[in-house]
Amino acid sequence: AGFDLPEGKYINPAYSGMTAEHIYTIIPDDPDDNNGGGQ
């Protein structure tokens, strides 16, 4: 949508269109996991 998001954003186009519940089941549990392949 063109927003200038703050630094530190979690974003990964692979998760586009997924619900938070779905994403929760596929991202690693470790908080230092490189963010599931995103930024």
PDB file of all heavy atoms in Angstrom:
ATOM      1  N   ALA A   1       0.822  -1.216   0.000  1.00  0.00           N
ATOM      2  CA  ALA A   1       0.000   0.000   0.000  1.00  0.00           C
ATOM      3  C   ALA A   1       0.854   1.263   0.000  1.00  0.00           C
ATOM      4  O   ALA A   1       0.313   2.371  -0.047  1.00  0.00           O
ATOM      5  CB  ALA A   1      -0.930   0.000   1.209  1.00  0.00           C
ATOM      6  N   GLY A   2       2.189   1.097   0.050  1.00  0.00           N
ATOM      7  CA  GLY A   2       3.078   2.252  -0.044  1.00  0.00           C
ATOM      8  C   GLY A   2       3.497   2.865   1.266  1.00  0.00           C
ATOM      9  O   GLY A   2       4.087   3.950   1.283  1.00  0.00           O
ATOM     10  N   PHE A   3       3.248   2.182   2.382  1.00  0.00           N
ATOM     11  CA  PHE A   3       3.621   2.755   3.674  1.00  0.00           C
ATOM     12  C   PHE A   3       5.124   2.630   3.911  1.00  0.00           C
ATOM     13  O   PHE A   3       5.754   1.642   3.536  1.00  0.00           O
ATOM     14  CB  PHE A   3       2.864   2.066   4.807  1.00  0.00           C
ATOM     15  CG  PHE A   3       1.462   2.558   4.979  1.00  0.00           C
ATOM     16  CD1 PHE A   3       0.391   1.824   4.499  1.00  0.00           C
ATOM     17  CD2 PHE A   3       1.201   3.768   5.614  1.00  0.00           C
ATOM     18  CE1 PHE A   3      -0.906   2.278   4.651  1.00  0.00           C
ATOM     19  CE2 PHE A   3      -0.092   4.231   5.770  1.00  0.00           C
ATOM     20  CZ  PHE A   3      -1.147   3.482   5.286  1.00  0.00           C
ATOM     21  N   ASP A   4       5.650   3.653   4.558  1.00  0.00           N
ATOM     22  CA  ASP A   4       7.052   3.664   4.987  1.00  0.00           C
ATOM     23  C   ASP A   4       7.082   3.086   6.396  1.00  0.00           C
ATOM     24  O   ASP A   4       6.890   3.794   7.380  1.00  0.00           O
ATOM     25  CB  ASP A   4       7.589   5.098   4.966  1.00  0.00           C
ATOM     26  CG  ASP A   4       9.064   5.185   5.325  1.00  0.00           C
ATOM     27  OD1 ASP A   4       9.722   4.128   5.356  1.00  0.00           O
ATOM     28  OD2 ASP A   4       9.547   6.314   5.568  1.00  0.00           O
ATOM     29  N   LEU A   5       7.326   1.786   6.490  1.00  0.00           N
ATOM     30  CA  LEU A   5       7.267   1.114   7.787  1.00  0.00           C
ATOM     31  C   LEU A   5       8.524   1.375   8.600  1.00  0.00           C
ATOM     32  O   LEU A   5       9.612   1.556   8.047  1.00  0.00           O
ATOM     33  CB  LEU A   5       7.088  -0.391   7.587  1.00  0.00           C
ATOM     34  CG  LEU A   5       5.774  -0.815   6.929  1.00  0.00           C
ATOM     35  CD1 LEU A   5       5.771  -2.312   6.669  1.00  0.00           C
ATOM     36  CD2 LEU A   5       4.581  -0.427   7.789  1.00  0.00           C
ATOM     37  N   PRO A   6       8.405   1.401   9.923  1.00  0.00           N
ATOM     38  CA  PRO A   6       9.569   1.605  10.789  1.00  0.00           C
ATOM     39  C   PRO A   6      10.616   0.517  10.596  1.00  0.00           C
ATOM     40  O   PRO A   6      10.310  -0.594  10.142  1.00  0.00           O
ATOM     41  CB  PRO A   6       8.971   1.556  12.204  1.00  0.00           C
ATOM     42  CG  PRO A   6       7.534   1.906  12.019  1.00  0.00           C
ATOM     43  CD  PRO A   6       7.153   1.338  10.686  1.00  0.00           C
ATOM     44  N   GLU A   7      11.850   0.852  10.948  1.00  0.00           N
ATOM     45  CA  GLU A   7      12.919  -0.142  10.875  1.00  0.00           C
ATOM     46  C   GLU A   7      12.596  -1.314  11.814  1.00  0.00           C
ATOM     47  O   GLU A   7      12.021  -1.134  12.883  1.00  0.00           O
ATOM     48  CB  GLU A   7      14.255   0.490  11.296  1.00  0.00           C
ATOM     49  CG  GLU A   7      14.697   1.652  10.405  1.00  0.00           C
ATOM     50  CD  GLU A   7      14.964   1.223   8.979  1.00  0.00           C
ATOM     51  OE1 GLU A   7      15.367   0.058   8.792  1.00  0.00           O
ATOM     52  OE2 GLU A   7      14.768   2.041   8.068  1.00  0.00           O
ATOM     53  N   GLY A   8      12.993  -2.511  11.399  1.00  0.00           N
ATOM     54  CA  GLY A   8      12.764  -3.678  12.238  1.00  0.00           C
ATOM     55  C   GLY A   8      11.544  -4.469  11.864  1.00  0.00           C
ATOM     56  O   GLY A   8      11.118  -5.353  12.593  1.00  0.00           O
ATOM     57  N   LYS A   9      10.957  -4.155  10.717  1.00  0.00           N
ATOM     58  CA  LYS A   9       9.723  -4.818  10.324  1.00  0.00           C
ATOM     59  C   LYS A   9       9.961  -6.279   9.969  1.00  0.00           C
ATOM     60  O   LYS A   9      10.988  -6.647   9.411  1.00  0.00           O
ATOM     61  CB  LYS A   9       9.101  -4.101   9.125  1.00  0.00           C
ATOM     62  CG  LYS A   9       9.996  -4.055   7.884  1.00  0.00           C
ATOM     63  CD  LYS A   9       9.357  -3.251   6.774  1.00  0.00           C
ATOM     64  CE  LYS A   9      10.266  -3.145   5.544  1.00  0.00           C
ATOM     65  NZ  LYS A   9      11.500  -2.408   5.819  1.00  0.00           N
ATOM     66  N   TYR A  10       8.990  -7.113  10.308  1.00  0.00           N
ATOM     67  CA  TYR A  10       8.971  -8.501   9.860  1.00  0.00           C
ATOM     68  C   TYR A  10       8.171  -8.545   8.573  1.00  0.00           C
ATOM     69  O   TYR A  10       6.983  -8.211   8.559  1.00  0.00           O
ATOM     70  CB  TYR A  10       8.293  -9.402  10.896  1.00  0.00           C
ATOM     71  CG  TYR A  10       9.161  -9.745  12.079  1.00  0.00           C
ATOM     72  CD1 TYR A  10       8.986  -9.092  13.291  1.00  0.00           C
ATOM     73  CD2 TYR A  10      10.139 -10.730  11.981  1.00  0.00           C
ATOM     74  CE1 TYR A  10       9.772  -9.409  14.382  1.00  0.00           C
ATOM     75  CE2 TYR A  10      10.929 -11.052  13.069  1.00  0.00           C
ATOM     76  CZ  TYR A  10      10.745 -10.400  14.263  1.00  0.00           C
ATOM     77  OH  TYR A  10      11.516 -10.720  15.348  1.00  0.00           O
ATOM     78  N   ILE A  11       8.804  -8.946   7.481  1.00  0.00           N
ATOM     79  CA  ILE A  11       8.091  -9.011   6.207  1.00  0.00           C
ATOM     80  C   ILE A  11       8.682 -10.131   5.366  1.00  0.00           C
ATOM     81  O   ILE A  11       9.903 -10.295   5.288  1.00  0.00           O
ATOM     82  CB  ILE A  11       8.153  -7.650   5.464  1.00  0.00           C
ATOM     83  CG1 ILE A  11       7.298  -7.680   4.200  1.00  0.00           C
ATOM     84  CG2 ILE A  11       9.582  -7.238   5.162  1.00  0.00           C
ATOM     85  CD1 ILE A  11       7.084  -6.307   3.590  1.00  0.00           C
ATOM     86  N   ASN A  12       7.810 -10.917   4.780  1.00  0.00           N
ATOM     87  CA  ASN A  12       8.226 -12.004   3.902  1.00  0.00           C
ATOM     88  C   ASN A  12       7.102 -12.251   2.904  1.00  0.00           C
ATOM     89  O   ASN A  12       6.021 -12.703   3.291  1.00  0.00           O
ATOM     90  CB  ASN A  12       8.514 -13.272   4.701  1.00  0.00           C
ATOM     91  CG  ASN A  12       9.125 -14.376   3.847  1.00  0.00           C
ATOM     92  OD1 ASN A  12       8.930 -14.419   2.634  1.00  0.00           O
ATOM     93  ND2 ASN A  12       9.862 -15.273   4.486  1.00  0.00           N
ATOM     94  N   PRO A  13       7.323 -11.946   1.618  1.00  0.00           N
ATOM     95  CA  PRO A  13       6.270 -12.122   0.614  1.00  0.00           C
ATOM     96  C   PRO A  13       5.731 -13.545   0.557  1.00  0.00           C
ATOM     97  O   PRO A  13       4.600 -13.763   0.110  1.00  0.00           O
ATOM     98  CB  PRO A  13       6.974 -11.745  -0.700  1.00  0.00           C
ATOM     99  CG  PRO A  13       8.093 -10.847  -0.288  1.00  0.00           C
ATOM    100  CD  PRO A  13       8.552 -11.363   1.036  1.00  0.00           C
ATOM    101  N   ALA A  14       6.511 -14.521   1.015  1.00  0.00           N
ATOM    102  CA  ALA A  14       6.041 -15.908   0.992  1.00  0.00           C
ATOM    103  C   ALA A  14       4.827 -16.110   1.894  1.00  0.00           C
ATOM    104  O   ALA A  14       4.054 -17.051   1.707  1.00  0.00           O
ATOM    105  CB  ALA A  14       7.167 -16.846   1.420  1.00  0.00           C
ATOM    106  N   TYR A  15       4.645 -15.222   2.884  1.00  0.00           N
ATOM    107  CA  TYR A  15       3.527 -15.348   3.805  1.00  0.00           C
ATOM    108  C   TYR A  15       2.325 -14.509   3.372  1.00  0.00           C
ATOM    109  O   TYR A  15       1.334 -14.415   4.100  1.00  0.00           O
ATOM    110  CB  TYR A  15       3.950 -14.918   5.212  1.00  0.00           C
ATOM    111  CG  TYR A  15       5.074 -15.754   5.796  1.00  0.00           C
ATOM    112  CD1 TYR A  15       6.027 -15.170   6.628  1.00  0.00           C
ATOM    113  CD2 TYR A  15       5.171 -17.110   5.528  1.00  0.00           C
ATOM    114  CE1 TYR A  15       7.060 -15.931   7.175  1.00  0.00           C
ATOM    115  CE2 TYR A  15       6.199 -17.877   6.061  1.00  0.00           C
ATOM    116  CZ  TYR A  15       7.140 -17.282   6.883  1.00  0.00           C
ATOM    117  OH  TYR A  15       8.153 -18.034   7.419  1.00  0.00           O
ATOM    118  N   SER A  16       2.406 -13.879   2.219  1.00  0.00           N
ATOM    119  CA  SER A  16       1.318 -13.019   1.754  1.00  0.00           C
ATOM    120  C   SER A  16       0.021 -13.811   1.624  1.00  0.00           C
ATOM    121  O   SER A  16      -0.016 -14.904   1.050  1.00  0.00           O
ATOM    122  CB  SER A  16       1.684 -12.404   0.398  1.00  0.00           C
ATOM    123  OG  SER A  16       0.639 -11.592  -0.085  1.00  0.00           O
ATOM    124  N   GLY A  17      -1.043 -13.263   2.169  1.00  0.00           N
ATOM    125  CA  GLY A  17      -2.352 -13.895   2.081  1.00  0.00           C
ATOM    126  C   GLY A  17      -2.635 -14.927   3.148  1.00  0.00           C
ATOM    127  O   GLY A  17      -3.755 -15.436   3.240  1.00  0.00           O
ATOM    128  N   MET A  18      -1.628 -15.264   3.965  1.00  0.00           N
ATOM    129  CA  MET A  18      -1.834 -16.248   5.027  1.00  0.00           C
ATOM    130  C   MET A  18      -2.369 -15.576   6.289  1.00  0.00           C
ATOM    131  O   MET A  18      -2.061 -14.424   6.574  1.00  0.00           O
ATOM    132  CB  MET A  18      -0.520 -16.959   5.369  1.00  0.00           C
ATOM    133  CG  MET A  18       0.064 -17.797   4.264  1.00  0.00           C
ATOM    134  SD  MET A  18       1.562 -18.653   4.850  1.00  0.00           S
ATOM    135  CE  MET A  18       2.137 -19.425   3.325  1.00  0.00           C
ATOM    136  N   THR A  19      -3.142 -16.313   7.061  1.00  0.00           N
ATOM    137  CA  THR A  19      -3.600 -15.805   8.346  1.00  0.00           C
ATOM    138  C   THR A  19      -2.470 -15.891   9.362  1.00  0.00           C
ATOM    139  O   THR A  19      -1.500 -16.647   9.184  1.00  0.00           O
ATOM    140  CB  THR A  19      -4.790 -16.620   8.865  1.00  0.00           C
ATOM    141  OG1 THR A  19      -4.358 -17.963   9.122  1.00  0.00           O
ATOM    142  CG2 THR A  19      -5.933 -16.625   7.862  1.00  0.00           C
ATOM    143  N   ALA A  20      -2.600 -15.134  10.442  1.00  0.00           N
ATOM    144  CA  ALA A  20      -1.597 -15.187  11.508  1.00  0.00           C
ATOM    145  C   ALA A  20      -1.521 -16.584  12.106  1.00  0.00           C
ATOM    146  O   ALA A  20      -0.434 -17.065  12.452  1.00  0.00           O
ATOM    147  CB  ALA A  20      -1.926 -14.158  12.592  1.00  0.00           C
ATOM    148  N   GLU A  21      -2.666 -17.250  12.209  1.00  0.00           N
ATOM    149  CA  GLU A  21      -2.678 -18.606  12.763  1.00  0.00           C
ATOM    150  C   GLU A  21      -1.859 -19.568  11.893  1.00  0.00           C
ATOM    151  O   GLU A  21      -1.120 -20.407  12.402  1.00  0.00           O
ATOM    152  CB  GLU A  21      -4.122 -19.114  12.886  1.00  0.00           C
ATOM    153  CG  GLU A  21      -4.913 -18.512  14.031  1.00  0.00           C
ATOM    154  CD  GLU A  21      -5.539 -17.166  13.676  1.00  0.00           C
ATOM    155  OE1 GLU A  21      -5.257 -16.645  12.573  1.00  0.00           O
ATOM    156  OE2 GLU A  21      -6.289 -16.635  14.496  1.00  0.00           O
ATOM    157  N   HIS A  22      -1.998 -19.438  10.588  1.00  0.00           N
ATOM    158  CA  HIS A  22      -1.258 -20.308   9.677  1.00  0.00           C
ATOM    159  C   HIS A  22       0.242 -20.020   9.766  1.00  0.00           C
ATOM    160  O   HIS A  22       1.064 -20.943   9.866  1.00  0.00           O
ATOM    161  CB  HIS A  22      -1.762 -20.114   8.244  1.00  0.00           C
ATOM    162  CG  HIS A  22      -1.149 -21.047   7.257  1.00  0.00           C
ATOM    163  ND1 HIS A  22      -1.354 -20.941   5.900  1.00  0.00           N
ATOM    164  CD2 HIS A  22      -0.302 -22.105   7.416  1.00  0.00           C
ATOM    165  CE1 HIS A  22      -0.679 -21.898   5.281  1.00  0.00           C
ATOM    166  NE2 HIS A  22      -0.037 -22.612   6.173  1.00  0.00           N
ATOM    167  N   ILE A  23       0.591 -18.744   9.734  1.00  0.00           N
ATOM    168  CA  ILE A  23       1.999 -18.358   9.797  1.00  0.00           C
ATOM    169  C   ILE A  23       2.627 -18.837  11.102  1.00  0.00           C
ATOM    170  O   ILE A  23       3.776 -19.293  11.130  1.00  0.00           O
ATOM    171  CB  ILE A  23       2.143 -16.828   9.650  1.00  0.00           C
ATOM    172  CG1 ILE A  23       1.645 -16.386   8.267  1.00  0.00           C
ATOM    173  CG2 ILE A  23       3.594 -16.392   9.849  1.00  0.00           C
ATOM    174  CD1 ILE A  23       1.541 -14.889   8.100  1.00  0.00           C
ATOM    175  N   TYR A  24       1.867 -18.757  12.174  1.00  0.00           N
ATOM    176  CA  TYR A  24       2.362 -19.188  13.483  1.00  0.00           C
ATOM    177  C   TYR A  24       2.825 -20.644  13.446  1.00  0.00           C
ATOM    178  O   TYR A  24       3.801 -21.011  14.119  1.00  0.00           O
ATOM    179  CB  TYR A  24       1.257 -19.008  14.523  1.00  0.00           C
ATOM    180  CG  TYR A  24       1.661 -19.333  15.946  1.00  0.00           C
ATOM    181  CD1 TYR A  24       2.168 -18.346  16.784  1.00  0.00           C
ATOM    182  CD2 TYR A  24       1.512 -20.625  16.457  1.00  0.00           C
ATOM    183  CE1 TYR A  24       2.529 -18.643  18.100  1.00  0.00           C
ATOM    184  CE2 TYR A  24       1.872 -20.929  17.757  1.00  0.00           C
ATOM    185  CZ  TYR A  24       2.381 -19.931  18.575  1.00  0.00           C
ATOM    186  OH  TYR A  24       2.743 -20.227  19.869  1.00  0.00           O
ATOM    187  N   THR A  25       2.158 -21.474  12.675  1.00  0.00           N
ATOM    188  CA  THR A  25       2.489 -22.906  12.657  1.00  0.00           C
ATOM    189  C   THR A  25       3.730 -23.214  11.831  1.00  0.00           C
ATOM    190  O   THR A  25       4.290 -24.317  11.961  1.00  0.00           O
ATOM    191  CB  THR A  25       1.315 -23.725  12.092  1.00  0.00           C
ATOM    192  OG1 THR A  25       1.096 -23.376  10.711  1.00  0.00           O
ATOM    193  CG2 THR A  25       0.047 -23.480  12.888  1.00  0.00           C
ATOM    194  N   ILE A  26       4.182 -22.263  10.994  1.00  0.00           N
ATOM    195  CA  ILE A  26       5.293 -22.584  10.095  1.00  0.00           C
ATOM    196  C   ILE A  26       6.566 -21.801  10.388  1.00  0.00           C
ATOM    197  O   ILE A  26       7.619 -22.129   9.838  1.00  0.00           O
ATOM    198  CB  ILE A  26       4.891 -22.387   8.613  1.00  0.00           C
ATOM    199  CG1 ILE A  26       4.460 -20.942   8.339  1.00  0.00           C
ATOM    200  CG2 ILE A  26       3.794 -23.353   8.224  1.00  0.00           C
ATOM    201  CD1 ILE A  26       4.075 -20.691   6.881  1.00  0.00           C
ATOM    202  N   ILE A  27       6.509 -20.778  11.229  1.00  0.00           N
ATOM    203  CA  ILE A  27       7.739 -20.074  11.565  1.00  0.00           C
ATOM    204  C   ILE A  27       8.401 -20.773  12.752  1.00  0.00           C
ATOM    205  O   ILE A  27       7.725 -21.370  13.589  1.00  0.00           O
ATOM    206  CB  ILE A  27       7.493 -18.576  11.888  1.00  0.00           C
ATOM    207  CG1 ILE A  27       6.518 -18.420  13.056  1.00  0.00           C
ATOM    208  CG2 ILE A  27       6.999 -17.832  10.675  1.00  0.00           C
ATOM    209  CD1 ILE A  27       6.313 -16.965  13.478  1.00  0.00           C
ATOM    210  N   PRO A  28       9.734 -20.726  12.827  1.00  0.00           N
ATOM    211  CA  PRO A  28      10.448 -21.405  13.922  1.00  0.00           C
ATOM    212  C   PRO A  28      10.103 -20.813  15.279  1.00  0.00           C
ATOM    213  O   PRO A  28       9.675 -19.663  15.394  1.00  0.00           O
ATOM    214  CB  PRO A  28      11.917 -21.181  13.577  1.00  0.00           C
ATOM    215  CG  PRO A  28      11.931 -20.843  12.117  1.00  0.00           C
ATOM    216  CD  PRO A  28      10.642 -20.129  11.853  1.00  0.00           C
ATOM    217  N   ASP A  29      10.288 -21.607  16.313  1.00  0.00           N
ATOM    218  CA  ASP A  29      10.017 -21.155  17.676  1.00  0.00           C
ATOM    219  C   ASP A  29      11.098 -20.227  18.200  1.00  0.00           C
ATOM    220  O   ASP A  29      10.829 -19.360  19.025  1.00  0.00           O
ATOM    221  CB  ASP A  29       9.903 -22.354  18.624  1.00  0.00           C
ATOM    222  CG  ASP A  29       8.659 -23.175  18.347  1.00  0.00           C
ATOM    223  OD1 ASP A  29       7.668 -22.599  17.865  1.00  0.00           O
ATOM    224  OD2 ASP A  29       8.692 -24.393  18.607  1.00  0.00           O
ATOM    225  N   ASP A  30      12.345 -20.414  17.750  1.00  0.00           N
ATOM    226  CA  ASP A  30      13.470 -19.634  18.269  1.00  0.00           C
ATOM    227  C   ASP A  30      13.318 -18.170  17.872  1.00  0.00           C
ATOM    228  O   ASP A  30      13.224 -17.851  16.688  1.00  0.00           O
ATOM    229  CB  ASP A  30      14.783 -20.199  17.700  1.00  0.00           C
ATOM    230  CG  ASP A  30      16.017 -19.529  18.287  1.00  0.00           C
ATOM    231  OD1 ASP A  30      15.870 -18.544  19.052  1.00  0.00           O
ATOM    232  OD2 ASP A  30      17.121 -20.001  17.979  1.00  0.00           O
ATOM    233  N   PRO A  31      13.294 -17.240  18.833  1.00  0.00           N
ATOM    234  CA  PRO A  31      13.163 -15.816  18.477  1.00  0.00           C
ATOM    235  C   PRO A  31      14.338 -15.294  17.675  1.00  0.00           C
ATOM    236  O   PRO A  31      14.242 -14.233  17.064  1.00  0.00           O
ATOM    237  CB  PRO A  31      13.064 -15.116  19.839  1.00  0.00           C
ATOM    238  CG  PRO A  31      13.688 -16.063  20.806  1.00  0.00           C
ATOM    239  CD  PRO A  31      13.387 -17.439  20.287  1.00  0.00           C
ATOM    240  N   ASP A  32      15.481 -15.999  17.661  1.00  0.00           N
ATOM    241  CA  ASP A  32      16.631 -15.563  16.863  1.00  0.00           C
ATOM    242  C   ASP A  32      16.765 -16.420  15.613  1.00  0.00           C
ATOM    243  O   ASP A  32      17.841 -16.854  15.231  1.00  0.00           O
ATOM    244  CB  ASP A  32      17.925 -15.662  17.686  1.00  0.00           C
ATOM    245  CG  ASP A  32      17.883 -14.776  18.912  1.00  0.00           C
ATOM    246  OD1 ASP A  32      17.369 -13.650  18.792  1.00  0.00           O
ATOM    247  OD2 ASP A  32      18.345 -15.229  19.976  1.00  0.00           O
ATOM    248  N   ASP A  33      15.622 -16.647  14.936  1.00  0.00           N
ATOM    249  CA  ASP A  33      15.608 -17.623  13.852  1.00  0.00           C
ATOM    250  C   ASP A  33      15.782 -17.008  12.470  1.00  0.00           C
ATOM    251  O   ASP A  33      15.464 -17.630  11.489  1.00  0.00           O
ATOM    252  CB  ASP A  33      14.285 -18.386  13.861  1.00  0.00           C
ATOM    253  CG  ASP A  33      13.107 -17.438  13.696  1.00  0.00           C
ATOM    254  OD1 ASP A  33      13.020 -16.762  12.683  1.00  0.00           O
ATOM    255  OD2 ASP A  33      12.281 -17.372  14.622  1.00  0.00           O
ATOM    256  N   ASN A  34      16.278 -15.760  12.400  1.00  0.00           N
ATOM    257  CA  ASN A  34      16.350 -15.041  11.131  1.00  0.00           C
ATOM    258  C   ASN A  34      14.971 -14.768  10.560  1.00  0.00           C
ATOM    259  O   ASN A  34      14.798 -14.577   9.374  1.00  0.00           O
ATOM    260  CB  ASN A  34      17.181 -15.802  10.081  1.00  0.00           C
ATOM    261  CG  ASN A  34      18.643 -15.848  10.440  1.00  0.00           C
ATOM    262  OD1 ASN A  34      19.167 -14.908  11.038  1.00  0.00           O
ATOM    263  ND2 ASN A  34      19.303 -16.951  10.115  1.00  0.00           N
ATOM    264  N   ASN A  35      13.950 -14.778  11.447  1.00  0.00           N
ATOM    265  CA  ASN A  35      12.618 -14.309  11.088  1.00  0.00           C
ATOM    266  C   ASN A  35      11.951 -15.111   9.991  1.00  0.00           C
ATOM    267  O   ASN A  35      11.270 -14.593   9.135  1.00  0.00           O
ATOM    268  CB  ASN A  35      12.666 -12.825  10.678  1.00  0.00           C
ATOM    269  CG  ASN A  35      13.421 -12.020  11.691  1.00  0.00           C
ATOM    270  OD1 ASN A  35      13.154 -12.106  12.880  1.00  0.00           O
ATOM    271  ND2 ASN A  35      14.405 -11.274  11.237  1.00  0.00           N
ATOM    272  N   GLY A  36      12.184 -16.396  10.002  1.00  0.00           N
ATOM    273  CA  GLY A  36      11.469 -17.243   9.055  1.00  0.00           C
ATOM    274  C   GLY A  36      11.844 -16.985   7.623  1.00  0.00           C
ATOM    275  O   GLY A  36      11.083 -17.253   6.713  1.00  0.00           O
ATOM    276  N   GLY A  37      13.002 -16.435   7.388  1.00  0.00           N
ATOM    277  CA  GLY A  37      13.431 -16.200   6.025  1.00  0.00           C
ATOM    278  C   GLY A  37      13.132 -14.808   5.530  1.00  0.00           C
ATOM    279  O   GLY A  37      13.429 -14.477   4.395  1.00  0.00           O
ATOM    280  N   GLY A  38      12.518 -13.957   6.382  1.00  0.00           N
ATOM    281  CA  GLY A  38      12.217 -12.600   5.964  1.00  0.00           C
ATOM    282  C   GLY A  38      13.339 -11.665   6.342  1.00  0.00           C
ATOM    283  O   GLY A  38      14.459 -12.076   6.639  1.00  0.00           O
ATOM    284  N   GLN A  39      13.034 -10.368   6.353  1.00  0.00           N
ATOM    285  CA  GLN A  39      14.031  -9.375   6.722  1.00  0.00           C
ATOM    286  C   GLN A  39      14.251  -9.415   8.223  1.00  0.00           C
ATOM    287  O   GLN A  39      13.319  -9.523   9.004  1.00  0.00           O
ATOM    288  CB  GLN A  39      13.560  -7.977   6.301  1.00  0.00           C
ATOM    289  CG  GLN A  39      13.409  -7.824   4.797  1.00  0.00           C
ATOM    290  CD  GLN A  39      12.923  -6.438   4.438  1.00  0.00           C
ATOM    291  OE1 GLN A  39      12.901  -5.552   5.282  1.00  0.00           O
ATOM    292  NE2 GLN A  39      12.536  -6.251   3.191  1.00  0.00           N
TER     293      GLN A  39
END
